[in-house]
Amino acid sequence: MREVREWTARAERIVRKRRDPVVVQTLRSATAATIAYVIALRLSPEPAPLTAPLTALLVVQVTLYATITNGFRRVNAVVTGVLVAIAFSLLVGLTWWSLALLLVASLAVGRLVRVEEYVPEVAISAMLVLGVTTVGDTAWARVVETLIGASVGLACNLLLAPPVWVEEAGESIEGLSRRLRQLMLRMGEEAAGGTPVDRAESQLHEARRLDHDIVEVDAALRQAEDSLRLNPRVQDSVLHRVVLRTGLDTLEICTVVLRVLARSLTDLAKEREPEPPFEAETGAALAQLLSEIADAVVSFAVLVTTHLSASAESAEERLAAELRTAAGTRDKLALLLREEAERDPRLWQLPGAILTEVNRILDELDTEHRTRRLFEELDRVSREQRARMPRLTRLRERLGVTEQMWRNRAGFDGRSR
């Protein structure tokens, strides 16, 4: 049994390594560059057509969408630079002042043709072409090599289908929810035991550090969104992107509210020092409520990242049950906080703020609220698509493809996810 477990663990590591972005990028780029060089040797008049593998190396990305967009911009940048160089070679040739003018003109034209990060490539292509004697042959050879490199890079991603990074984005979202849960549990334990000011401030700093986790999860989600675009292996990619993005938005709001809650608890601990911030019964109720909300946050993340409808329904039922339980505990806590505010009226705003922040988290996690948010986001994305592609929209309308039919095909009925 031990050997079986070791082999299983080794196989899992190999599979995980195979999907690692660094490994995928290295193998894909090296393959594309080599193939582009071999093809360019046969088609380009240059003895060492290194522009083709260089283009393939820069064009190939982890996702198909990024490959297509980068390939178009790079080809555009190289062709623009070559045309600028040809114009300068016919007019002035290569001198120190013409080189300066060439650089200024190339960078300016690069901004005009909107090649984004490839603006320096316009100037590089222009300098390389202007610096040789046979301008015409070299210019066309460079254009041909660039087209070869871009085509090979795109073909590699079409033939070697890039991975879909939804699973990795889902793991990042679930990881964020677990970090939120751990912080909520610690805040509840401290509230039940009488939070010292230094511990309350430590929890506040930890809540602020969650912003960095949000940035990392957002980067993983952007990669997943790119991997879904134009990917033939994925159907209804818009729905997948909207589900994950709105889920992260909800967790981000919960993170912000939790930071405000930590601030309120810190202020209350300072005001009532050296006494505990809450009575024993109130602190215990707050700890129980934060524990129930923490479980609901994790269930929400599981719901967002679940793809099978049956599992999604189970996750939704679990989340709804946890929210109902938390709502009951919230009502109990509200009565206890009101009693404490009546006993100490000068600090009534802090218990009120704590209750408001707890209510905000519960509202964000509510399944009906999420359903409305999903429909609003789907409608917004649909409007943007119609505005960007009016002809395609009119064609879909003529064929009778309505938004509701699209949603039905996607299996989205307003209840799941």
Protein backbone atom coordinates (compact mmCIF):
# COMPACT_ATOMS: atom_id res chain seq x y z
CA MET A 1 0.00 0.00 0.00
CA ARG A 2 2.85 2.35 0.79
CA GLU A 3 4.39 1.84 -2.67
CA VAL A 4 1.01 2.45 -4.31
CA ARG A 5 0.62 5.72 -2.40
CA GLU A 6 4.12 6.80 -3.38
CA TRP A 7 3.49 6.06 -7.05
CA THR A 8 0.16 7.88 -6.88
CA ALA A 9 1.75 10.91 -5.26
CA ARG A 10 4.53 10.88 -7.86
CA ALA A 11 2.01 10.71 -10.70
CA GLU A 12 0.07 13.62 -9.20
CA ARG A 13 3.26 15.69 -8.99
CA ILE A 14 4.05 14.93 -12.64
CA VAL A 15 0.56 15.92 -13.76
CA ARG A 16 0.70 19.08 -11.65
CA LYS A 17 4.13 19.93 -13.04
CA ARG A 18 2.88 19.38 -16.57
CA ARG A 19 0.23 22.05 -15.99
CA ASP A 20 2.62 24.45 -14.31
CA PRO A 21 2.59 27.77 -16.25
CA VAL A 22 6.40 27.98 -16.34
CA VAL A 23 6.76 24.45 -17.75
CA VAL A 24 3.95 24.96 -20.28
CA GLN A 25 5.38 28.28 -21.43
CA THR A 26 8.94 26.93 -21.76
CA LEU A 27 8.02 23.87 -23.80
CA ARG A 28 5.56 25.72 -26.03
CA SER A 29 7.94 28.61 -26.73
CA ALA A 30 10.95 26.36 -27.43
CA THR A 31 8.92 24.17 -29.79
CA ALA A 32 7.46 27.10 -31.68
CA ALA A 33 10.82 28.88 -32.03
CA THR A 34 12.56 25.76 -33.36
CA ILE A 35 9.85 25.00 -35.91
CA ALA A 36 9.76 28.63 -37.06
CA TYR A 37 13.53 28.63 -37.62
CA VAL A 38 13.41 25.41 -39.67
CA ILE A 39 10.65 26.79 -41.90
CA ALA A 40 12.38 30.16 -42.29
CA LEU A 41 15.59 28.47 -43.44
CA ARG A 42 13.69 27.22 -46.48
CA LEU A 43 11.64 30.31 -47.24
CA SER A 44 13.82 33.28 -46.27
CA PRO A 45 16.80 34.48 -48.36
CA GLU A 46 18.71 35.29 -45.16
CA PRO A 47 21.42 32.76 -44.15
CA ALA A 48 20.39 32.94 -40.48
CA PRO A 49 16.70 33.96 -40.30
CA LEU A 50 16.58 34.54 -36.54
CA THR A 51 13.64 36.93 -36.79
CA ALA A 52 11.27 33.98 -37.24
CA PRO A 53 12.19 32.15 -34.00
CA LEU A 54 12.40 35.48 -32.17
CA THR A 55 8.87 36.33 -33.27
CA ALA A 56 7.57 32.90 -32.34
CA LEU A 57 9.27 33.16 -28.95
CA LEU A 58 7.61 36.51 -28.22
CA VAL A 59 4.23 35.61 -29.70
CA VAL A 60 3.60 32.28 -27.98
CA GLN A 61 1.82 32.73 -24.67
CA VAL A 62 0.18 30.35 -22.22
CA THR A 63 -3.33 31.04 -23.53
CA LEU A 64 -4.69 31.03 -27.08
CA TYR A 65 -6.29 34.45 -26.66
CA ALA A 66 -3.00 36.03 -25.59
CA THR A 67 -1.18 34.32 -28.47
CA ILE A 68 -3.57 35.72 -31.08
CA THR A 69 -3.56 39.26 -29.68
CA ASN A 70 0.24 39.32 -29.21
CA GLY A 71 0.83 37.84 -32.68
CA PHE A 72 -1.27 40.48 -34.39
CA ARG A 73 0.37 43.35 -32.50
CA ARG A 74 3.89 42.04 -33.14
CA VAL A 75 3.33 41.53 -36.87
CA ASN A 76 1.82 45.00 -37.03
CA ALA A 77 4.82 46.45 -35.21
CA VAL A 78 7.40 44.76 -37.46
CA VAL A 79 5.66 45.66 -40.71
CA THR A 80 5.28 49.27 -39.56
CA GLY A 81 8.97 49.46 -38.64
CA VAL A 82 10.00 48.01 -41.99
CA LEU A 83 7.88 50.54 -43.91
CA VAL A 84 9.33 53.42 -41.90
CA ALA A 85 12.87 52.14 -42.59
CA ILE A 86 12.21 51.85 -46.33
CA ALA A 87 10.94 55.44 -46.44
CA PHE A 88 14.02 56.73 -44.59
CA SER A 89 16.44 54.71 -46.72
CA LEU A 90 15.00 56.19 -49.90
CA LEU A 91 15.14 59.74 -48.56
CA VAL A 92 18.22 60.18 -46.36
CA GLY A 93 20.07 56.90 -45.76
CA LEU A 94 21.86 56.06 -42.50
CA THR A 95 23.54 58.88 -40.55
CA TRP A 96 23.58 59.80 -36.89
CA TRP A 97 20.87 62.43 -37.32
CA SER A 98 18.75 60.23 -39.58
CA LEU A 99 18.96 57.47 -36.98
CA ALA A 100 17.68 59.89 -34.33
CA LEU A 101 14.83 60.97 -36.59
CA LEU A 102 14.10 57.32 -37.38
CA LEU A 103 13.77 56.44 -33.71
CA VAL A 104 11.47 59.38 -33.00
CA ALA A 105 9.33 58.62 -36.05
CA SER A 106 9.17 54.89 -35.32
CA LEU A 107 8.11 55.35 -31.69
CA ALA A 108 5.53 57.95 -32.68
CA VAL A 109 4.07 55.79 -35.45
CA GLY A 110 4.07 52.80 -33.08
CA ARG A 111 1.80 54.74 -30.73
CA LEU A 112 -0.50 55.66 -33.60
CA VAL A 113 -0.95 52.09 -34.87
CA ARG A 114 -1.66 50.87 -31.30
CA VAL A 115 0.77 48.00 -30.98
CA GLU A 116 0.71 48.41 -27.17
CA GLU A 117 3.83 46.86 -25.56
CA TYR A 118 5.46 46.28 -28.95
CA VAL A 119 6.12 49.98 -29.62
CA PRO A 120 9.91 49.47 -29.17
CA GLU A 121 9.71 46.67 -31.75
CA VAL A 122 8.77 49.24 -34.40
CA ALA A 123 12.02 51.13 -33.77
CA ILE A 124 14.06 47.91 -33.54
CA SER A 125 12.76 46.65 -36.89
CA ALA A 126 13.40 50.02 -38.50
CA MET A 127 17.01 50.17 -37.25
CA LEU A 128 17.80 46.61 -38.30
CA VAL A 129 16.49 47.18 -41.81
CA LEU A 130 18.03 50.66 -42.23
CA GLY A 131 21.42 49.39 -41.09
CA VAL A 132 21.93 47.09 -44.09
CA THR A 133 22.74 47.93 -47.66
CA THR A 134 20.20 45.85 -49.54
CA VAL A 135 17.21 47.46 -47.95
CA GLY A 136 14.52 46.02 -50.19
CA ASP A 137 15.53 42.35 -49.88
CA THR A 138 16.18 42.59 -46.15
CA ALA A 139 12.90 44.37 -45.51
CA TRP A 140 10.81 41.75 -47.24
CA ALA A 141 12.84 38.93 -45.68
CA ARG A 142 12.16 40.38 -42.23
CA VAL A 143 8.44 40.66 -42.97
CA VAL A 144 8.35 37.06 -44.22
CA GLU A 145 10.22 35.79 -41.17
CA THR A 146 7.90 37.71 -38.85
CA LEU A 147 4.84 36.22 -40.52
CA ILE A 148 6.38 32.73 -40.27
CA GLY A 149 7.12 33.15 -36.55
CA ALA A 150 3.65 34.50 -35.77
CA SER A 151 1.94 31.77 -37.80
CA VAL A 152 3.95 29.00 -36.15
CA GLY A 153 3.23 30.44 -32.71
CA LEU A 154 -0.49 30.47 -33.40
CA ALA A 155 -0.39 26.98 -34.91
CA CYS A 156 1.36 25.58 -31.83
CA ASN A 157 -1.45 26.79 -29.62
CA LEU A 158 -4.07 25.42 -32.02
CA LEU A 159 -2.45 21.99 -32.35
CA LEU A 160 -1.16 21.78 -28.76
CA ALA A 161 -4.26 23.11 -27.07
CA PRO A 162 -3.33 25.31 -24.11
CA PRO A 163 -4.72 24.32 -20.72
CA VAL A 164 -7.80 25.94 -19.26
CA TRP A 165 -6.79 27.57 -16.00
CA VAL A 166 -10.24 27.59 -14.40
CA GLU A 167 -9.27 24.93 -11.87
CA GLU A 168 -6.24 26.93 -10.71
CA ALA A 169 -8.36 30.07 -10.41
CA GLY A 170 -10.93 28.11 -8.42
CA GLU A 171 -8.22 26.88 -6.06
CA SER A 172 -7.08 30.48 -5.56
CA ILE A 173 -10.64 31.59 -4.75
CA GLU A 174 -11.10 28.73 -2.28
CA GLY A 175 -7.73 29.51 -0.72
CA LEU A 176 -8.80 33.11 -0.19
CA SER A 177 -12.05 31.97 1.42
CA ARG A 178 -10.15 29.72 3.83
CA ARG A 179 -7.86 32.59 4.84
CA LEU A 180 -10.95 34.70 5.48
CA ARG A 181 -12.38 31.86 7.55
CA GLN A 182 -9.27 31.52 9.68
CA LEU A 183 -9.21 35.24 10.42
CA MET A 184 -12.91 35.25 11.33
CA LEU A 185 -12.42 32.32 13.70
CA ARG A 186 -9.53 34.06 15.46
CA MET A 187 -11.52 37.28 15.74
CA GLY A 188 -14.41 35.35 17.26
CA GLU A 189 -12.17 33.54 19.74
CA GLU A 190 -10.62 36.82 20.84
CA ALA A 191 -14.04 38.44 21.20
CA ALA A 192 -15.25 35.58 23.40
CA GLY A 193 -12.12 35.66 25.57
CA GLY A 194 -11.86 39.42 25.93
CA THR A 195 -9.72 40.94 23.18
CA PRO A 196 -6.58 42.81 24.32
CA VAL A 197 -5.84 45.90 22.27
CA ASP A 198 -2.57 44.53 20.87
CA ARG A 199 -4.28 41.38 19.58
CA ALA A 200 -7.13 43.41 18.08
CA GLU A 201 -4.60 45.58 16.25
CA SER A 202 -2.78 42.47 15.04
CA GLN A 203 -6.02 41.13 13.56
CA LEU A 204 -6.64 44.50 11.90
CA HIS A 205 -3.20 44.38 10.25
CA GLU A 206 -3.88 40.82 9.08
CA ALA A 207 -7.20 41.91 7.58
CA ARG A 208 -5.39 44.67 5.70
CA ARG A 209 -2.84 42.18 4.35
CA LEU A 210 -5.67 40.26 2.70
CA ASP A 211 -5.60 42.94 -0.01
CA HIS A 212 -2.41 41.33 -1.33
CA ASP A 213 -4.20 37.97 -1.52
CA ILE A 214 -6.98 39.62 -3.52
CA VAL A 215 -4.42 40.86 -6.05
CA GLU A 216 -2.92 37.37 -6.44
CA VAL A 217 -6.34 35.76 -6.89
CA ASP A 218 -7.29 38.43 -9.41
CA ALA A 219 -4.15 37.63 -11.44
CA ALA A 220 -5.02 33.92 -11.43
CA LEU A 221 -8.57 34.74 -12.48
CA ARG A 222 -7.38 36.95 -15.33
CA GLN A 223 -5.27 34.08 -16.62
CA ALA A 224 -8.29 31.79 -16.41
CA GLU A 225 -10.43 34.33 -18.27
CA ASP A 226 -7.83 34.57 -21.05
CA SER A 227 -7.64 30.78 -21.29
CA LEU A 228 -11.40 30.61 -21.83
CA ARG A 229 -11.47 33.17 -24.65
CA LEU A 230 -11.36 31.72 -28.18
CA ASN A 231 -10.64 28.28 -26.74
CA PRO A 232 -12.30 25.53 -28.81
CA ARG A 233 -12.29 23.20 -25.79
CA VAL A 234 -14.64 25.45 -23.83
CA GLN A 235 -18.33 26.08 -24.38
CA ASP A 236 -20.17 29.03 -22.83
CA SER A 237 -16.92 30.67 -21.78
CA VAL A 238 -18.76 33.91 -20.98
CA LEU A 239 -20.81 32.16 -18.32
CA HIS A 240 -17.69 30.63 -16.73
CA ARG A 241 -15.95 34.01 -16.65
CA VAL A 242 -18.94 35.80 -15.16
CA VAL A 243 -19.44 33.16 -12.45
CA LEU A 244 -15.82 33.32 -11.31
CA ARG A 245 -15.52 37.10 -11.58
CA THR A 246 -18.70 37.86 -9.63
CA GLY A 247 -17.64 35.30 -7.02
CA LEU A 248 -14.31 37.05 -6.53
CA ASP A 249 -16.09 40.42 -6.37
CA THR A 250 -18.26 39.11 -3.54
CA LEU A 251 -15.26 37.79 -1.60
CA GLU A 252 -13.47 41.09 -2.13
CA ILE A 253 -16.42 42.97 -0.66
CA CYS A 254 -16.44 40.55 2.28
CA THR A 255 -12.73 41.20 2.76
CA VAL A 256 -13.27 44.95 2.87
CA VAL A 257 -16.18 44.61 5.31
CA LEU A 258 -14.12 42.26 7.48
CA ARG A 259 -11.36 44.85 7.63
CA VAL A 260 -13.90 47.46 8.77
CA LEU A 261 -15.22 44.98 11.35
CA ALA A 262 -11.68 44.46 12.66
CA ARG A 263 -11.34 48.24 12.92
CA SER A 264 -14.58 48.50 14.93
CA LEU A 265 -13.47 45.71 17.29
CA THR A 266 -10.10 47.43 17.77
CA ASP A 267 -11.74 50.77 18.57
CA LEU A 268 -14.12 49.09 21.02
CA ALA A 269 -11.23 47.29 22.73
CA LYS A 270 -9.38 50.60 23.12
CA GLU A 271 -12.42 52.42 24.51
CA ARG A 272 -13.22 49.75 27.11
CA GLU A 273 -9.66 48.90 28.13
CA PRO A 274 -8.82 47.41 30.63
CA GLU A 275 -12.33 45.89 30.71
CA PRO A 276 -13.21 43.29 28.05
CA PRO A 277 -14.99 44.77 25.01
CA PHE A 278 -18.07 42.55 25.49
CA GLU A 279 -19.95 40.79 28.21
CA ALA A 280 -19.31 37.05 28.31
CA GLU A 281 -22.64 36.12 26.70
CA THR A 282 -22.30 38.77 23.98
CA GLY A 283 -18.72 37.74 23.19
CA ALA A 284 -19.77 34.10 22.92
CA ALA A 285 -22.65 35.01 20.58
CA LEU A 286 -20.30 37.08 18.39
CA ALA A 287 -17.78 34.23 18.28
CA GLN A 288 -20.52 31.78 17.26
CA LEU A 289 -21.80 34.15 14.58
CA LEU A 290 -18.34 34.73 13.10
CA SER A 291 -17.75 30.98 13.06
CA GLU A 292 -21.00 30.39 11.17
CA ILE A 293 -20.24 33.18 8.71
CA ALA A 294 -16.74 31.77 8.20
CA ASP A 295 -18.22 28.40 7.23
CA ALA A 296 -20.65 30.16 4.89
CA VAL A 297 -17.78 32.00 3.16
CA VAL A 298 -16.05 28.69 2.38
CA SER A 299 -19.33 27.17 1.17
CA PHE A 300 -19.83 30.19 -1.08
CA ALA A 301 -16.38 29.71 -2.62
CA VAL A 302 -17.11 26.01 -3.20
CA LEU A 303 -20.41 26.97 -4.84
CA VAL A 304 -18.69 29.44 -7.17
CA THR A 305 -16.00 26.99 -8.25
CA THR A 306 -18.26 23.93 -8.65
CA HIS A 307 -19.00 22.98 -12.26
CA LEU A 308 -21.30 19.95 -11.96
CA SER A 309 -24.94 20.94 -11.51
CA ALA A 310 -25.65 18.27 -8.88
CA SER A 311 -22.67 19.34 -6.79
CA ALA A 312 -23.64 23.00 -7.26
CA GLU A 313 -27.14 22.33 -5.94
CA SER A 314 -25.71 20.53 -2.91
CA ALA A 315 -23.29 23.41 -2.24
CA GLU A 316 -26.12 25.92 -2.61
CA GLU A 317 -28.34 24.04 -0.14
CA ARG A 318 -25.48 23.88 2.36
CA LEU A 319 -24.80 27.60 1.96
CA ALA A 320 -28.49 28.49 2.39
CA ALA A 321 -28.71 26.39 5.57
CA GLU A 322 -25.58 28.03 7.01
CA LEU A 323 -26.90 31.49 6.22
CA ARG A 324 -30.22 30.72 7.94
CA THR A 325 -28.37 29.55 11.03
CA ALA A 326 -26.15 32.64 10.98
CA ALA A 327 -29.21 34.89 10.62
CA GLY A 328 -30.72 33.39 13.77
CA THR A 329 -27.48 33.94 15.69
CA ARG A 330 -27.32 37.49 14.30
CA ASP A 331 -30.77 38.26 15.73
CA LYS A 332 -29.66 36.97 19.12
CA LEU A 333 -26.50 39.06 18.96
CA ALA A 334 -28.52 42.15 18.01
CA LEU A 335 -30.54 41.89 21.23
CA LEU A 336 -27.41 41.45 23.34
CA LEU A 337 -25.65 44.39 21.67
CA ARG A 338 -28.70 46.59 22.23
CA GLU A 339 -28.68 45.71 25.91
CA GLU A 340 -24.98 46.59 26.14
CA ALA A 341 -25.59 49.87 24.31
CA GLU A 342 -28.34 50.75 26.80
CA ARG A 343 -26.01 50.05 29.71
CA ASP A 344 -23.22 52.15 28.14
CA PRO A 345 -24.84 54.74 25.84
CA ARG A 346 -21.62 56.65 25.10
CA LEU A 347 -20.32 53.78 22.89
CA TRP A 348 -23.60 52.84 21.20
CA GLN A 349 -22.20 53.51 17.69
CA LEU A 350 -19.48 50.82 17.87
CA PRO A 351 -21.81 47.86 18.65
CA GLY A 352 -24.15 49.24 16.00
CA ALA A 353 -21.32 49.34 13.48
CA ILE A 354 -20.38 45.74 14.28
CA LEU A 355 -23.94 44.60 13.65
CA THR A 356 -24.10 46.58 10.40
CA GLU A 357 -20.88 45.03 9.10
CA VAL A 358 -22.06 41.52 9.94
CA ASN A 359 -25.33 42.17 8.11
CA ARG A 360 -23.42 43.39 5.05
CA ILE A 361 -21.44 40.14 4.81
CA LEU A 362 -24.60 38.06 5.16
CA ASP A 363 -26.30 40.09 2.43
CA GLU A 364 -23.36 39.63 0.05
CA LEU A 365 -23.38 35.85 0.57
CA ASP A 366 -27.15 35.55 0.11
CA THR A 367 -28.04 33.27 -2.81
CA GLU A 368 -30.83 35.51 -4.11
CA HIS A 369 -28.47 38.49 -4.08
CA ARG A 370 -25.94 36.45 -6.05
CA THR A 371 -28.56 35.38 -8.62
CA ARG A 372 -29.50 39.01 -9.26
CA ARG A 373 -25.83 39.94 -9.51
CA LEU A 374 -25.20 37.18 -12.06
CA PHE A 375 -28.13 38.23 -14.25
CA GLU A 376 -27.05 41.87 -14.12
CA GLU A 377 -23.49 40.96 -15.11
CA LEU A 378 -24.67 38.67 -17.91
CA ASP A 379 -26.88 41.45 -19.25
CA ARG A 380 -24.00 43.93 -19.07
CA VAL A 381 -21.64 41.57 -20.93
CA SER A 382 -24.32 40.87 -23.52
CA ARG A 383 -24.86 44.61 -24.12
CA GLU A 384 -21.12 45.16 -24.52
CA GLN A 385 -20.88 42.31 -27.02
CA ARG A 386 -23.79 43.71 -29.03
CA ALA A 387 -22.15 47.14 -29.06
CA ARG A 388 -18.79 45.72 -30.21
CA MET A 389 -20.21 43.34 -32.81
CA PRO A 390 -23.49 44.77 -34.13
CA ARG A 391 -23.43 42.70 -37.33
CA LEU A 392 -23.01 39.44 -35.45
CA THR A 393 -25.80 40.49 -33.09
CA ARG A 394 -28.17 41.15 -35.99
CA LEU A 395 -27.25 37.77 -37.50
CA ARG A 396 -28.02 36.03 -34.19
CA GLU A 397 -31.36 37.83 -33.98
CA ARG A 398 -32.26 36.76 -37.49
CA LEU A 399 -31.42 33.18 -36.62
CA GLY A 400 -33.60 33.45 -33.53
CA VAL A 401 -30.78 33.11 -31.02
CA THR A 402 -32.00 35.14 -28.07
CA GLU A 403 -30.30 35.76 -24.76
CA GLN A 404 -32.72 33.50 -22.93
CA MET A 405 -32.01 30.62 -25.34
CA TRP A 406 -28.28 31.14 -24.77
CA ARG A 407 -28.80 30.95 -21.02
CA ASN A 408 -30.86 27.80 -21.32
CA ARG A 409 -28.12 26.13 -23.35
CA ALA A 410 -25.63 27.16 -20.69
CA GLY A 411 -27.75 25.42 -18.06
CA PHE A 412 -28.13 28.58 -15.99
CA ASP A 413 -31.56 28.67 -14.41
CA GLY A 414 -30.88 31.29 -11.76
CA ARG A 415 -30.44 28.77 -8.97
CA SER A 416 -27.14 27.05 -9.63
CA ARG A 417 -24.01 29.08 -8.92
